Amino acid sequence: MEMLDRFGWQRVDREQILEIRQRLSHLETMTWSSILVSAKKQNHSVEVYKIIPEAQAWLAEREILLDKITLLHCSNKEVIWGYLAENGVFVLLWWDPLHQVYPVEKKHT
């Protein structure tokens, strides 16, 4: 988990951490297929080249070589970023409360 960064977890307050913990606990009861396929609107992978250059550079500096990175929504905008390790464990990277790592325009806005 990145702690001191633009998308670091140092910005999470006590109330948010409890909500995040609850969300992650709920996800632990599900299979990855349920999380990433059935709920693909809320949780999905994004090609690394599509995320902002700052985030791409952060991954490259740490030699985290991935084609895709996964986002798990906590709310409409609040996103947890990470990746699925070979052992099936989700490695937490960033807290992105304003959905800035991969900005998307909402349809019909």
Protein backbone atom coordinates (compact mmCIF):
# COMPACT_ATOMS: atom_id res chain seq x y z
CA MET A 1 0.00 0.00 0.00
CA GLU A 2 1.30 3.40 -0.92
CA MET A 3 1.17 5.70 2.09
CA LEU A 4 2.79 9.00 1.10
CA ASP A 5 1.68 9.81 -2.39
CA ARG A 6 -0.95 11.75 -4.25
CA PHE A 7 -3.03 8.58 -4.10
CA GLY A 8 -1.66 7.40 -0.77
CA TRP A 9 -3.67 5.94 2.05
CA GLN A 10 -2.53 8.70 4.42
CA ARG A 11 -5.55 10.70 3.23
CA VAL A 12 -8.08 8.15 4.50
CA ASP A 13 -9.85 9.24 7.67
CA ARG A 14 -11.19 6.93 10.39
CA GLU A 15 -14.73 6.82 8.99
CA GLN A 16 -13.49 6.05 5.49
CA ILE A 17 -11.17 3.28 6.67
CA LEU A 18 -14.10 1.59 8.40
CA GLU A 19 -16.15 1.80 5.19
CA ILE A 20 -13.22 0.48 3.12
CA ARG A 21 -12.69 -2.37 5.56
CA GLN A 22 -16.37 -3.26 5.37
CA ARG A 23 -16.27 -3.16 1.56
CA LEU A 24 -13.17 -5.35 1.38
CA SER A 25 -14.63 -7.77 3.93
CA HIS A 26 -17.71 -8.10 1.75
CA LEU A 27 -15.56 -8.73 -1.33
CA GLU A 28 -13.68 -11.47 0.55
CA THR A 29 -16.90 -13.50 0.61
CA MET A 30 -17.05 -13.48 -3.20
CA THR A 31 -15.12 -15.20 -5.97
CA TRP A 32 -12.98 -13.14 -8.35
CA SER A 33 -15.41 -14.08 -11.08
CA SER A 34 -18.26 -12.52 -9.11
CA ILE A 35 -16.22 -9.44 -8.30
CA LEU A 36 -14.80 -8.76 -11.76
CA VAL A 37 -17.35 -10.32 -14.10
CA SER A 38 -20.75 -10.13 -12.44
CA ALA A 39 -20.06 -6.70 -10.95
CA LYS A 40 -17.90 -5.37 -13.80
CA LYS A 41 -19.52 -1.92 -13.73
CA GLN A 42 -18.19 -1.37 -10.20
CA ASN A 43 -15.01 -3.43 -10.37
CA HIS A 44 -12.88 -4.02 -13.41
CA SER A 45 -9.40 -4.02 -14.88
CA VAL A 46 -7.94 -1.19 -16.91
CA GLU A 47 -4.93 -1.35 -19.21
CA VAL A 48 -2.02 0.39 -17.52
CA TYR A 49 -1.38 2.57 -20.57
CA LYS A 50 -4.82 4.16 -20.01
CA ILE A 51 -4.16 5.38 -16.47
CA ILE A 52 -2.59 8.77 -15.86
CA PRO A 53 1.15 9.11 -16.60
CA GLU A 54 1.95 9.80 -12.93
CA ALA A 55 0.48 6.43 -11.93
CA GLN A 56 2.25 4.67 -14.80
CA ALA A 57 5.55 6.19 -13.67
CA TRP A 58 4.90 5.14 -10.07
CA LEU A 59 4.46 1.52 -11.19
CA ALA A 60 7.55 1.65 -13.42
CA GLU A 61 9.74 3.13 -10.66
CA ARG A 62 8.82 0.21 -8.40
CA GLU A 63 9.23 -2.30 -11.22
CA ILE A 64 5.62 -3.39 -10.95
CA LEU A 65 5.21 -4.66 -14.49
CA LEU A 66 1.55 -5.14 -15.31
CA ASP A 67 -0.56 -4.99 -18.44
CA LYS A 68 -3.69 -4.28 -16.41
CA ILE A 69 -4.52 -2.84 -13.03
CA THR A 70 -7.78 -3.38 -11.16
CA LEU A 71 -10.12 -0.90 -9.56
CA LEU A 72 -12.67 -1.70 -6.89
CA HIS A 73 -15.33 0.93 -6.32
CA CYS A 74 -16.25 1.92 -2.79
CA SER A 75 -18.75 4.56 -3.92
CA ASN A 76 -19.51 6.48 -7.11
CA LYS A 77 -16.08 8.10 -7.16
CA GLU A 78 -14.02 6.47 -4.41
CA VAL A 79 -11.80 3.75 -5.84
CA ILE A 80 -9.28 1.28 -4.46
CA TRP A 81 -6.56 0.38 -6.97
CA GLY A 82 -4.49 -2.76 -6.93
CA TYR A 83 -3.73 -5.95 -8.76
CA LEU A 84 -4.39 -9.63 -8.40
CA ALA A 85 -1.19 -11.47 -7.46
CA GLU A 86 -0.42 -14.97 -8.69
CA ASN A 87 -1.61 -16.46 -5.40
CA GLY A 88 -5.08 -14.91 -5.78
CA VAL A 89 -4.40 -12.15 -3.25
CA PHE A 90 -5.41 -8.61 -4.17
CA VAL A 91 -2.45 -6.28 -3.60
CA LEU A 92 -3.65 -2.83 -2.53
CA LEU A 93 -1.87 0.10 -4.14
CA TRP A 94 -3.78 3.37 -4.09
CA TRP A 95 -6.73 5.14 -2.55
CA ASP A 96 -8.32 7.30 -5.24
CA PRO A 97 -11.27 9.16 -3.68
CA LEU A 98 -11.90 11.35 -6.73
CA HIS A 99 -11.38 8.70 -9.44
CA GLN A 100 -8.35 10.52 -10.84
CA VAL A 101 -6.04 7.61 -11.69
CA TYR A 102 -8.33 6.71 -14.58
CA PRO A 103 -10.59 9.68 -15.24
CA VAL A 104 -13.65 8.86 -17.30
CA GLU A 105 -16.41 11.05 -18.54
CA LYS A 106 -19.85 10.00 -17.45
CA LYS A 107 -22.22 9.31 -20.31
CA HIS A 108 -25.00 11.84 -20.83
CA THR A 109 -23.35 14.59 -18.77
